[in-house]
N, C-alpha and C. Protein backbone atom coordinates (compact mmCIF):
# COMPACT_ATOMS: atom_id res chain seq x y z
N MET A 1 -9.26 -3.34 -22.11
CA MET A 1 -9.58 -3.66 -20.86
C MET A 1 -8.34 -2.85 -20.70
N THR A 2 -8.24 -2.49 -19.39
CA THR A 2 -7.13 -2.50 -17.99
C THR A 2 -7.07 -2.88 -17.02
N GLN A 3 -5.96 -3.31 -16.53
CA GLN A 3 -5.82 -4.04 -15.34
C GLN A 3 -5.97 -2.66 -14.13
N TYR A 4 -6.91 -2.87 -12.97
CA TYR A 4 -7.01 -2.08 -11.81
C TYR A 4 -6.00 -3.09 -10.75
N LEU A 5 -5.45 -2.09 -9.88
CA LEU A 5 -5.29 -2.76 -8.61
C LEU A 5 -6.24 -2.21 -7.32
N LEU A 6 -7.02 -2.90 -6.87
CA LEU A 6 -7.84 -2.04 -5.82
C LEU A 6 -7.60 -2.31 -4.71
N SER A 7 -6.68 -1.78 -3.61
CA SER A 7 -5.95 -1.84 -2.48
C SER A 7 -6.69 -1.34 -1.39
N VAL A 8 -6.24 -2.24 -0.29
CA VAL A 8 -7.22 -2.06 1.02
C VAL A 8 -6.07 -1.61 2.00
N HIS A 9 -6.01 -0.62 2.58
CA HIS A 9 -5.30 -0.23 3.88
C HIS A 9 -5.83 -0.15 4.97
N SER A 10 -4.93 -0.89 5.80
CA SER A 10 -5.14 -1.25 7.12
C SER A 10 -3.89 -1.04 8.49
N GLY A 11 -4.13 -1.21 9.33
CA GLY A 11 -3.39 -0.97 10.44
C GLY A 11 -2.96 -1.98 11.49
N PRO A 12 -2.01 -1.80 12.49
CA PRO A 12 -1.71 -3.30 13.57
C PRO A 12 -3.08 -3.73 13.97
N ASP A 13 -4.07 -2.68 14.40
CA ASP A 13 -5.54 -2.73 15.43
C ASP A 13 -6.22 -3.66 14.20
N ASP A 14 -6.07 -3.69 12.91
CA ASP A 14 -7.06 -4.48 12.28
C ASP A 14 -6.24 -5.78 12.21
N TYR A 15 -5.47 -6.11 12.55
CA TYR A 15 -4.85 -7.81 12.64
C TYR A 15 -4.80 -7.83 14.25
N ALA A 16 -5.28 -7.18 14.97
CA ALA A 16 -5.60 -7.92 16.16
C ALA A 16 -6.99 -8.11 16.72
N ARG A 17 -7.70 -7.73 15.94
CA ARG A 17 -9.28 -8.07 16.27
C ARG A 17 -9.45 -9.55 16.28
N PRO A 18 -10.23 -10.01 17.32
CA PRO A 18 -10.10 -10.84 16.97
C PRO A 18 -11.51 -12.01 15.87
N LEU A 19 -10.71 -13.38 15.79
CA LEU A 19 -11.58 -13.72 14.80
C LEU A 19 -12.88 -13.93 14.27
N GLU A 20 -14.05 -13.67 15.69
CA GLU A 20 -15.35 -13.88 15.55
C GLU A 20 -16.00 -12.44 15.24
N GLU A 21 -15.07 -11.47 15.36
CA GLU A 21 -15.17 -9.67 15.34
C GLU A 21 -14.93 -9.73 13.56
N MET A 22 -13.83 -10.34 12.68
CA MET A 22 -13.59 -10.30 11.75
C MET A 22 -14.68 -10.99 10.74
N MET A 23 -15.34 -11.94 10.96
CA MET A 23 -15.90 -13.02 10.08
C MET A 23 -16.66 -12.06 9.66
N PRO A 24 -17.70 -11.33 9.94
CA PRO A 24 -18.55 -10.66 9.18
C PRO A 24 -18.19 -9.98 7.61
N ALA A 25 -16.94 -9.46 8.03
CA ALA A 25 -16.12 -8.84 7.19
C ALA A 25 -15.66 -9.84 6.26
N PHE A 26 -15.03 -11.02 6.27
CA PHE A 26 -14.74 -12.06 5.51
C PHE A 26 -15.56 -12.56 4.87
N GLU A 27 -16.69 -13.00 5.60
CA GLU A 27 -18.02 -13.63 4.49
C GLU A 27 -18.54 -12.52 3.48
N ALA A 28 -18.44 -11.08 3.87
CA ALA A 28 -18.73 -10.04 2.89
C ALA A 28 -18.11 -10.14 1.60
N VAL A 29 -16.60 -9.99 1.82
CA VAL A 29 -15.38 -9.62 1.05
C VAL A 29 -16.01 -11.51 0.25
N GLU A 30 -15.93 -12.53 0.65
CA GLU A 30 -16.02 -13.25 -0.33
C GLU A 30 -17.46 -13.43 -1.03
N ARG A 31 -18.31 -13.02 -0.57
CA ARG A 31 -19.70 -12.36 -1.38
C ARG A 31 -19.18 -11.50 -2.64
N PHE A 32 -18.34 -10.72 -2.29
CA PHE A 32 -17.80 -9.33 -3.05
C PHE A 32 -16.76 -10.49 -4.27
N ASN A 33 -16.05 -11.08 -3.53
CA ASN A 33 -15.25 -11.98 -4.40
C ASN A 33 -16.15 -13.01 -5.64
N GLU A 34 -16.97 -13.44 -5.20
CA GLU A 34 -17.90 -14.27 -6.16
C GLU A 34 -18.35 -13.31 -7.28
N LYS A 35 -18.70 -12.41 -6.69
CA LYS A 35 -19.69 -11.17 -7.65
C LYS A 35 -18.36 -10.83 -8.71
N ALA A 36 -17.08 -10.75 -8.32
CA ALA A 36 -16.55 -10.22 -9.04
C ALA A 36 -16.12 -11.59 -10.26
N ARG A 37 -15.97 -12.50 -9.77
CA ARG A 37 -15.61 -13.88 -10.58
C ARG A 37 -16.84 -14.08 -11.35
N ASP A 38 -18.13 -13.84 -11.01
CA ASP A 38 -19.15 -14.12 -12.22
C ASP A 38 -19.56 -13.05 -13.04
N ALA A 39 -18.69 -12.17 -12.65
CA ALA A 39 -18.89 -10.49 -13.71
C ALA A 39 -17.63 -11.23 -14.72
N GLY A 40 -17.06 -11.69 -14.67
CA GLY A 40 -15.72 -12.32 -15.30
C GLY A 40 -14.61 -11.06 -15.18
N ILE A 41 -14.37 -10.16 -14.42
CA ILE A 41 -13.31 -9.17 -14.08
C ILE A 41 -12.26 -9.59 -13.26
N TRP A 42 -12.40 -10.49 -12.70
CA TRP A 42 -11.21 -10.99 -11.40
C TRP A 42 -10.19 -11.11 -11.90
N VAL A 43 -8.73 -11.02 -11.70
CA VAL A 43 -7.49 -11.67 -12.14
C VAL A 43 -7.03 -12.37 -11.30
N PHE A 44 -6.90 -11.18 -9.77
CA PHE A 44 -5.85 -11.60 -8.64
C PHE A 44 -6.59 -11.60 -7.54
N ALA A 45 -6.65 -11.73 -6.08
CA ALA A 45 -6.74 -11.05 -4.98
C ALA A 45 -5.74 -11.55 -3.92
N GLY A 46 -5.50 -10.92 -2.79
CA GLY A 46 -5.24 -11.71 -1.41
C GLY A 46 -5.16 -10.79 -0.34
N GLY A 47 -4.68 -11.20 0.73
CA GLY A 47 -4.76 -10.50 1.75
C GLY A 47 -3.77 -10.65 2.13
N LEU A 48 -2.88 -9.83 2.64
CA LEU A 48 -1.83 -9.93 3.53
C LEU A 48 -1.32 -9.65 4.60
N LYS A 49 -0.45 -10.73 5.13
CA LYS A 49 0.19 -10.55 6.79
C LYS A 49 0.66 -9.12 6.76
N PRO A 50 0.47 -9.12 8.45
CA PRO A 50 0.68 -7.87 8.57
C PRO A 50 2.25 -7.01 8.21
N GLY A 51 2.25 -5.66 8.37
CA GLY A 51 3.67 -5.19 7.77
C GLY A 51 4.77 -5.73 8.31
N ASP A 52 4.32 -5.74 9.61
CA ASP A 52 5.97 -6.22 10.18
C ASP A 52 6.76 -7.78 10.09
N THR A 53 5.58 -8.36 8.80
CA THR A 53 6.16 -9.54 8.42
C THR A 53 7.21 -9.37 7.47
N ALA A 54 7.08 -8.00 7.06
CA ALA A 54 7.80 -7.81 5.57
C ALA A 54 9.26 -7.44 5.78
N THR A 55 9.93 -7.94 4.90
CA THR A 55 11.78 -7.64 4.47
C THR A 55 11.57 -6.54 2.87
N THR A 56 12.39 -5.55 3.61
CA THR A 56 12.53 -4.69 2.19
C THR A 56 14.14 -5.13 1.79
N VAL A 57 14.38 -5.41 0.49
CA VAL A 57 15.10 -5.53 -0.08
C VAL A 57 15.89 -4.74 -1.10
N ASP A 58 17.16 -4.27 -0.58
CA ASP A 58 17.99 -3.20 -1.93
C ASP A 58 18.84 -3.83 -2.55
N GLY A 59 18.40 -3.88 -3.39
CA GLY A 59 19.84 -4.87 -4.57
C GLY A 59 20.49 -3.60 -5.44
N THR A 60 20.15 -2.38 -5.19
CA THR A 60 20.94 -1.64 -6.00
C THR A 60 22.13 -1.49 -5.73
N GLY A 61 22.89 -1.81 -4.82
CA GLY A 61 24.30 -1.84 -4.34
C GLY A 61 25.26 -3.14 -4.84
N SER A 62 26.26 -3.17 -4.60
CA SER A 62 27.36 -4.29 -4.90
C SER A 62 26.87 -5.36 -3.73
N ASP A 63 26.32 -4.99 -2.71
CA ASP A 63 25.80 -6.47 -1.83
C ASP A 63 24.43 -5.91 -1.56
N PRO A 64 23.61 -6.85 -1.80
CA PRO A 64 22.13 -6.48 -1.52
C PRO A 64 22.00 -6.00 0.42
N ILE A 65 20.64 -5.30 0.61
CA ILE A 65 20.74 -5.15 2.09
C ILE A 65 19.24 -5.25 2.13
N LEU A 66 19.24 -6.17 3.27
CA LEU A 66 17.51 -6.53 3.72
C LEU A 66 17.46 -5.95 4.85
N VAL A 67 16.43 -5.46 5.34
CA VAL A 67 15.67 -4.48 6.39
C VAL A 67 14.60 -5.23 6.72
N ASP A 68 14.25 -5.81 7.85
CA ASP A 68 13.12 -6.59 8.58
C ASP A 68 12.11 -4.75 8.56
N GLY A 69 10.85 -5.19 7.94
CA GLY A 69 9.69 -4.34 8.24
C GLY A 69 9.59 -3.87 6.58
N PRO A 70 8.55 -3.18 6.54
CA PRO A 70 7.66 -2.34 5.66
C PRO A 70 8.74 -1.45 5.20
N TYR A 71 8.58 -1.08 3.79
CA TYR A 71 9.77 -0.10 3.29
C TYR A 71 9.26 1.19 3.37
N LEU A 72 8.26 1.51 3.89
CA LEU A 72 7.98 3.16 4.56
C LEU A 72 7.19 2.85 5.66
N GLU A 73 7.69 3.87 6.59
CA GLU A 73 7.45 3.41 8.27
C GLU A 73 5.82 4.37 8.14
N THR A 74 4.79 3.83 8.43
CA THR A 74 3.68 4.82 8.23
C THR A 74 2.65 4.01 9.31
N LYS A 75 1.67 4.49 9.79
CA LYS A 75 0.46 3.83 10.36
C LYS A 75 -0.38 2.98 9.85
N GLU A 76 -0.06 2.97 8.18
CA GLU A 76 -0.80 1.91 7.89
C GLU A 76 -0.17 1.15 7.01
N TRP A 77 -1.04 -0.07 6.60
CA TRP A 77 0.24 -0.78 5.68
C TRP A 77 -1.17 -1.57 4.38
N LEU A 78 -0.61 -1.84 3.85
CA LEU A 78 -1.26 -2.74 2.41
C LEU A 78 -1.69 -3.92 3.14
N GLY A 79 -3.18 -4.15 3.14
CA GLY A 79 -3.49 -5.47 4.22
C GLY A 79 -4.15 -6.49 3.44
N GLY A 80 -4.33 -5.57 2.05
CA GLY A 80 -4.86 -7.07 0.67
C GLY A 80 -5.10 -5.77 -0.24
N PHE A 81 -5.76 -7.04 -1.54
CA PHE A 81 -6.20 -6.45 -2.87
C PHE A 81 -6.69 -7.33 -3.86
N TRP A 82 -7.15 -6.27 -4.83
CA TRP A 82 -7.70 -7.24 -5.97
C TRP A 82 -7.09 -6.66 -7.09
N VAL A 83 -6.82 -7.52 -8.13
CA VAL A 83 -6.59 -6.99 -9.36
C VAL A 83 -7.85 -7.25 -10.86
N PHE A 84 -8.39 -6.18 -11.00
CA PHE A 84 -9.86 -6.63 -11.95
C PHE A 84 -9.41 -6.03 -13.25
N ASP A 85 -9.83 -6.78 -14.53
CA ASP A 85 -9.61 -6.44 -15.97
C ASP A 85 -11.21 -5.65 -16.03
N LEU A 86 -10.83 -4.20 -16.34
CA LEU A 86 -12.12 -3.43 -16.28
C LEU A 86 -11.72 -2.01 -17.17
N PRO A 87 -13.37 -1.84 -18.24
CA PRO A 87 -12.94 -0.94 -19.00
C PRO A 87 -12.52 0.40 -18.93
N ASP A 88 -12.77 0.85 -17.28
CA ASP A 88 -12.29 2.13 -17.11
C ASP A 88 -12.33 2.79 -15.85
N ARG A 89 -11.55 4.18 -15.50
CA ARG A 89 -11.98 4.34 -14.14
C ARG A 89 -12.93 4.59 -13.60
N ASP A 90 -14.04 4.90 -14.23
CA ASP A 90 -15.31 5.08 -13.55
C ASP A 90 -15.70 3.27 -13.29
N THR A 91 -15.65 2.57 -13.87
CA THR A 91 -16.01 0.87 -13.62
C THR A 91 -15.43 0.84 -12.61
N ALA A 92 -13.98 0.83 -12.28
CA ALA A 92 -13.22 0.65 -11.22
C ALA A 92 -13.44 0.76 -9.87
N ILE A 93 -13.82 2.37 -10.09
CA ILE A 93 -14.63 2.88 -8.69
C ILE A 93 -15.54 2.34 -8.03
N ARG A 94 -16.56 2.31 -9.38
CA ARG A 94 -17.98 1.45 -8.66
C ARG A 94 -17.49 0.22 -8.15
N TRP A 95 -16.75 -0.43 -8.49
CA TRP A 95 -16.46 -1.96 -7.81
C TRP A 95 -15.72 -1.55 -6.64
N ALA A 96 -14.73 -0.66 -6.50
CA ALA A 96 -14.41 -0.07 -5.38
C ALA A 96 -14.99 0.39 -4.32
N VAL A 97 -16.09 0.91 -4.43
CA VAL A 97 -17.26 1.28 -3.42
C VAL A 97 -17.86 0.13 -3.09
N GLU A 98 -18.16 -0.82 -3.81
CA GLU A 98 -18.45 -2.04 -3.40
C GLU A 98 -17.34 -2.79 -2.86
N ALA A 99 -16.23 -3.10 -2.71
CA ALA A 99 -15.29 -4.01 -2.04
C ALA A 99 -14.94 -2.81 -0.64
N SER A 100 -14.87 -1.84 -0.41
CA SER A 100 -14.60 -0.62 0.75
C SER A 100 -15.98 -1.32 1.28
N ALA A 101 -17.08 -1.37 1.21
CA ALA A 101 -18.45 -1.60 1.86
C ALA A 101 -17.69 -3.16 2.45
N ALA A 102 -17.43 -4.07 1.89
CA ALA A 102 -17.57 -5.13 1.79
C ALA A 102 -16.37 -5.48 3.40
N CYS A 103 -14.92 -4.81 3.05
CA CYS A 103 -14.06 -5.30 3.93
C CYS A 103 -14.23 -3.99 5.00
N GLY A 104 -14.76 -2.96 4.65
CA GLY A 104 -15.29 -2.18 6.14
C GLY A 104 -13.84 -1.32 6.09
N GLY A 105 -12.87 -1.06 5.20
CA GLY A 105 -12.23 0.13 4.79
C GLY A 105 -12.05 0.82 3.90
N LYS A 106 -10.89 1.53 3.82
CA LYS A 106 -10.71 2.39 2.52
C LYS A 106 -9.96 1.36 1.33
N VAL A 107 -10.17 2.11 -0.09
CA VAL A 107 -10.00 1.26 -1.02
C VAL A 107 -8.78 2.17 -2.09
N GLU A 108 -7.95 2.14 -2.33
CA GLU A 108 -7.39 2.83 -3.55
C GLU A 108 -7.24 1.82 -4.84
N VAL A 109 -8.01 2.87 -5.74
CA VAL A 109 -8.11 2.19 -6.93
C VAL A 109 -6.92 3.28 -7.73
N ARG A 110 -5.84 2.00 -8.68
CA ARG A 110 -4.64 2.71 -9.63
C ARG A 110 -4.87 1.72 -10.78
N PRO A 111 -4.51 2.23 -11.82
CA PRO A 111 -4.50 1.31 -12.65
C PRO A 111 -3.10 0.79 -13.64
N PHE A 112 -3.10 -0.45 -13.72
CA PHE A 112 -1.75 -0.43 -14.34
C PHE A 112 -1.65 -0.15 -15.58
N GLN A 113 0.40 0.28 -15.60
CA GLN A 113 0.97 0.72 -16.47
C GLN A 113 0.45 -0.01 -17.84
N ASP A 114 0.44 0.94 -18.99
CA ASP A 114 0.21 -0.10 -20.35
C ASP A 114 1.60 -1.00 -21.01
N GLU A 115 1.25 -2.14 -21.34
CA GLU A 115 2.63 -2.91 -21.64
C GLU A 115 3.13 -2.10 -23.03
N PRO A 116 4.47 -2.09 -22.99
CA PRO A 116 5.10 -1.40 -23.98
C PRO A 116 4.98 -1.88 -25.40
N ALA A 117 4.73 -0.95 -26.64
CA ALA A 117 4.28 -1.59 -27.55
C ALA A 117 5.71 -2.71 -28.12
């Protein structure tokens, strides 16, 4: 089995929507989450605060440099994610299709690197 990251991308407008407008998506995501738990593939998941709450840390020099905001200046941010333990890419994509429908946004699928031997 391989762990896959299913990441949801969003932007500032998504965080500005009123709660009552977001509730159907929250409920759909929770139903999806329960299905993943019941299927035994669930490892971890979480929603993230807006990208402008991020801090980028560069510790590669003699003194660390901290910069407010996300690493990349883009129109979209990573809004949330799932980590699932799945047998293959095709299965991950099938789950991503359902995740996308539940959250109402695009979902990127990426496998984790294999552990070194």
